[in-house]
Amino acid sequence: MLTYALERGVLVLTLEDEGGEESGPRARDVLATRIGDLVHVHSPMPVVIILGGDAAETVISAVLHAHRLCSRLGVLMSVATPSAAARRALVAEAAVPGARLVVHARADIAIATAVTAAV
């Protein structure tokens, strides 16, 4: 499930992995499209994506797609997740030249950092 809010000039997207949801390429594409639409609407506002718990491969793939989109648009994007495994997977797979994906363990730190960087 994807929810969003605007916090101090930052677009905050929260992705909750609900076990019964569809997975696979179609689910990834749908999620990536929804994230992309929100990024486009609120551009150039910085984006923080919050992942709850252990993120499925579908979610990680959609987040990486969003990172590539944000890089092309020049939009600052970071991710927050308490899952060390998800943080490692995101950092290892985020290979966008010139734009490193910043991954935080805590959402409040990610949002505060985005606010500071946007000023």
C-alpha atoms as a PDB file:
ATOM      1  CA  MET A   1       0.000   0.000   0.000  1.00  0.00           C
ATOM      2  CA  LEU A   2       1.297   3.460  -0.952  1.00  0.00           C
ATOM      3  CA  THR A   3       0.368   6.560   1.020  1.00  0.00           C
ATOM      4  CA  TYR A   4       1.810  10.029   0.757  1.00  0.00           C
ATOM      5  CA  ALA A   5       2.026  13.266   2.715  1.00  0.00           C
ATOM      6  CA  LEU A   6       3.742  16.612   2.434  1.00  0.00           C
ATOM      7  CA  GLU A   7       5.980  17.409   5.404  1.00  0.00           C
ATOM      8  CA  ARG A   8       7.892  20.684   5.596  1.00  0.00           C
ATOM      9  CA  GLY A   9       8.285  20.849   1.833  1.00  0.00           C
ATOM     10  CA  VAL A  10       9.166  17.163   1.399  1.00  0.00           C
ATOM     11  CA  LEU A  11       7.051  14.573  -0.399  1.00  0.00           C
ATOM     12  CA  VAL A  12       6.943  11.589   1.959  1.00  0.00           C
ATOM     13  CA  LEU A  13       5.857   8.305   0.396  1.00  0.00           C
ATOM     14  CA  THR A  14       5.170   5.386   2.718  1.00  0.00           C
ATOM     15  CA  LEU A  15       5.168   1.868   1.326  1.00  0.00           C
ATOM     16  CA  GLU A  16       3.720  -0.820   3.544  1.00  0.00           C
ATOM     17  CA  ASP A  17       4.259  -4.369   2.345  1.00  0.00           C
ATOM     18  CA  GLU A  18       1.013  -6.223   2.842  1.00  0.00           C
ATOM     19  CA  GLY A  19       1.668  -9.939   2.492  1.00  0.00           C
ATOM     20  CA  GLY A  20      -1.434 -10.657   0.416  1.00  0.00           C
ATOM     21  CA  GLU A  21      -0.639  -8.138  -2.305  1.00  0.00           C
ATOM     22  CA  GLU A  22       0.357  -9.237  -5.767  1.00  0.00           C
ATOM     23  CA  SER A  23       4.075  -9.435  -6.488  1.00  0.00           C
ATOM     24  CA  GLY A  24       6.115  -9.667  -9.651  1.00  0.00           C
ATOM     25  CA  PRO A  25       6.822  -7.441 -12.628  1.00  0.00           C
ATOM     26  CA  ARG A  26       3.249  -6.180 -13.010  1.00  0.00           C
ATOM     27  CA  ALA A  27       2.999  -5.164  -9.350  1.00  0.00           C
ATOM     28  CA  ARG A  28       6.416  -3.487  -9.573  1.00  0.00           C
ATOM     29  CA  ASP A  29       5.356  -1.560 -12.678  1.00  0.00           C
ATOM     30  CA  VAL A  30       2.103  -0.406 -11.079  1.00  0.00           C
ATOM     31  CA  LEU A  31       3.898   0.728  -7.927  1.00  0.00           C
ATOM     32  CA  ALA A  32       6.677   2.433  -9.909  1.00  0.00           C
ATOM     33  CA  THR A  33       4.076   4.262 -12.014  1.00  0.00           C
ATOM     34  CA  ARG A  34       2.192   5.485  -8.934  1.00  0.00           C
ATOM     35  CA  ILE A  35       5.425   6.714  -7.344  1.00  0.00           C
ATOM     36  CA  GLY A  36       6.492   8.349 -10.618  1.00  0.00           C
ATOM     37  CA  ASP A  37       3.165  10.156 -10.948  1.00  0.00           C
ATOM     38  CA  LEU A  38       3.520  11.601  -7.445  1.00  0.00           C
ATOM     39  CA  VAL A  39       7.125  12.634  -8.089  1.00  0.00           C
ATOM     40  CA  HIS A  40       6.133  14.405 -11.316  1.00  0.00           C
ATOM     41  CA  VAL A  41       3.217  16.228  -9.688  1.00  0.00           C
ATOM     42  CA  HIS A  42       5.318  17.481  -6.763  1.00  0.00           C
ATOM     43  CA  SER A  43       8.603  18.052  -8.610  1.00  0.00           C
ATOM     44  CA  PRO A  44      11.080  19.587  -7.737  1.00  0.00           C
ATOM     45  CA  MET A  45      10.112  18.841  -4.127  1.00  0.00           C
ATOM     46  CA  PRO A  46      12.521  16.393  -2.411  1.00  0.00           C
ATOM     47  CA  VAL A  47      11.212  12.852  -1.943  1.00  0.00           C
ATOM     48  CA  VAL A  48      11.615  10.497   1.002  1.00  0.00           C
ATOM     49  CA  ILE A  49      10.369   6.942   0.575  1.00  0.00           C
ATOM     50  CA  ILE A  50       9.673   5.093   3.819  1.00  0.00           C
ATOM     51  CA  LEU A  51       9.651   1.316   3.724  1.00  0.00           C
ATOM     52  CA  GLY A  52       8.025  -0.558   6.575  1.00  0.00           C
ATOM     53  CA  GLY A  53       9.760  -3.726   7.770  1.00  0.00           C
ATOM     54  CA  ASP A  54      11.417  -6.108   5.341  1.00  0.00           C
ATOM     55  CA  ALA A  55      10.693  -4.909   1.829  1.00  0.00           C
ATOM     56  CA  ALA A  56       9.842  -7.445  -0.857  1.00  0.00           C
ATOM     57  CA  GLU A  57      11.923  -7.521  -4.050  1.00  0.00           C
ATOM     58  CA  THR A  58       8.984  -5.937  -5.873  1.00  0.00           C
ATOM     59  CA  VAL A  59       9.090  -2.918  -3.558  1.00  0.00           C
ATOM     60  CA  ILE A  60      12.875  -2.588  -3.733  1.00  0.00           C
ATOM     61  CA  SER A  61      12.740  -2.724  -7.523  1.00  0.00           C
ATOM     62  CA  ALA A  62      10.045  -0.011  -7.637  1.00  0.00           C
ATOM     63  CA  VAL A  63      12.098   2.194  -5.289  1.00  0.00           C
ATOM     64  CA  LEU A  64      15.171   1.778  -7.507  1.00  0.00           C
ATOM     65  CA  HIS A  65      13.052   2.731 -10.521  1.00  0.00           C
ATOM     66  CA  ALA A  66      11.934   5.859  -8.634  1.00  0.00           C
ATOM     67  CA  HIS A  67      15.570   6.657  -7.838  1.00  0.00           C
ATOM     68  CA  ARG A  68      16.467   6.572 -11.543  1.00  0.00           C
ATOM     69  CA  LEU A  69      13.473   8.800 -12.326  1.00  0.00           C
ATOM     70  CA  CYS A  70      14.396  11.305  -9.613  1.00  0.00           C
ATOM     71  CA  SER A  71      17.993  11.350 -10.848  1.00  0.00           C
ATOM     72  CA  ARG A  72      16.843  12.187 -14.381  1.00  0.00           C
ATOM     73  CA  LEU A  73      14.564  14.945 -13.057  1.00  0.00           C
ATOM     74  CA  GLY A  74      17.163  16.370 -10.675  1.00  0.00           C
ATOM     75  CA  VAL A  75      14.937  15.626  -7.681  1.00  0.00           C
ATOM     76  CA  LEU A  76      16.585  14.789  -4.358  1.00  0.00           C
ATOM     77  CA  MET A  77      15.431  11.362  -3.158  1.00  0.00           C
ATOM     78  CA  SER A  78      16.277   9.242  -0.147  1.00  0.00           C
ATOM     79  CA  VAL A  79      14.897   6.128   1.502  1.00  0.00           C
ATOM     80  CA  ALA A  80      14.270   5.188   5.134  1.00  0.00           C
ATOM     81  CA  THR A  81      13.812   1.641   6.363  1.00  0.00           C
ATOM     82  CA  PRO A  82      14.473  -0.086   9.671  1.00  0.00           C
ATOM     83  CA  SER A  83      15.462  -3.254   7.796  1.00  0.00           C
ATOM     84  CA  ALA A  84      19.231  -3.665   7.507  1.00  0.00           C
ATOM     85  CA  ALA A  85      18.716  -6.237   4.751  1.00  0.00           C
ATOM     86  CA  ALA A  86      16.607  -3.813   2.707  1.00  0.00           C
ATOM     87  CA  ARG A  87      19.149  -1.012   3.248  1.00  0.00           C
ATOM     88  CA  ARG A  88      21.967  -3.261   2.011  1.00  0.00           C
ATOM     89  CA  ALA A  89      19.948  -4.379  -1.028  1.00  0.00           C
ATOM     90  CA  LEU A  90      19.059  -0.804  -1.976  1.00  0.00           C
ATOM     91  CA  VAL A  91      22.618   0.478  -1.684  1.00  0.00           C
ATOM     92  CA  ALA A  92      24.038  -2.506  -3.567  1.00  0.00           C
ATOM     93  CA  GLU A  93      21.569  -2.247  -6.458  1.00  0.00           C
ATOM     94  CA  ALA A  94      21.356   1.549  -6.819  1.00  0.00           C
ATOM     95  CA  ALA A  95      23.873   2.180  -9.569  1.00  0.00           C
ATOM     96  CA  VAL A  96      22.892   5.518 -11.085  1.00  0.00           C
ATOM     97  CA  PRO A  97      25.911   7.476 -12.343  1.00  0.00           C
ATOM     98  CA  GLY A  98      26.257  10.780 -10.505  1.00  0.00           C
ATOM     99  CA  ALA A  99      23.441  10.193  -8.028  1.00  0.00           C
ATOM    100  CA  ARG A 100      24.059   8.082  -4.949  1.00  0.00           C
ATOM    101  CA  LEU A 101      20.999   6.713  -3.195  1.00  0.00           C
ATOM    102  CA  VAL A 102      21.009   7.791   0.438  1.00  0.00           C
ATOM    103  CA  VAL A 103      19.392   5.217   2.701  1.00  0.00           C
ATOM    104  CA  HIS A 104      18.557   5.974   6.338  1.00  0.00           C
ATOM    105  CA  ALA A 105      17.522   3.694   9.180  1.00  0.00           C
ATOM    106  CA  ARG A 106      15.030   6.231  10.563  1.00  0.00           C
ATOM    107  CA  ALA A 107      12.309   8.185   8.768  1.00  0.00           C
ATOM    108  CA  ASP A 108      12.606  11.285  10.953  1.00  0.00           C
ATOM    109  CA  ILE A 109      16.309  11.607  10.105  1.00  0.00           C
ATOM    110  CA  ALA A 110      15.608  11.114   6.387  1.00  0.00           C
ATOM    111  CA  ILE A 111      12.940  13.828   6.382  1.00  0.00           C
ATOM    112  CA  ALA A 112      15.060  16.264   8.415  1.00  0.00           C
ATOM    113  CA  THR A 113      18.003  15.703   6.068  1.00  0.00           C
ATOM    114  CA  ALA A 114      15.804  16.300   2.992  1.00  0.00           C
ATOM    115  CA  VAL A 115      14.429  19.508   4.519  1.00  0.00           C
ATOM    116  CA  THR A 116      17.951  20.752   5.258  1.00  0.00           C
ATOM    117  CA  ALA A 117      19.272  19.801   1.813  1.00  0.00           C
ATOM    118  CA  ALA A 118      16.354  21.524   0.065  1.00  0.00           C
ATOM    119  CA  VAL A 119      16.970  24.873   1.745  1.00  0.00           C
END
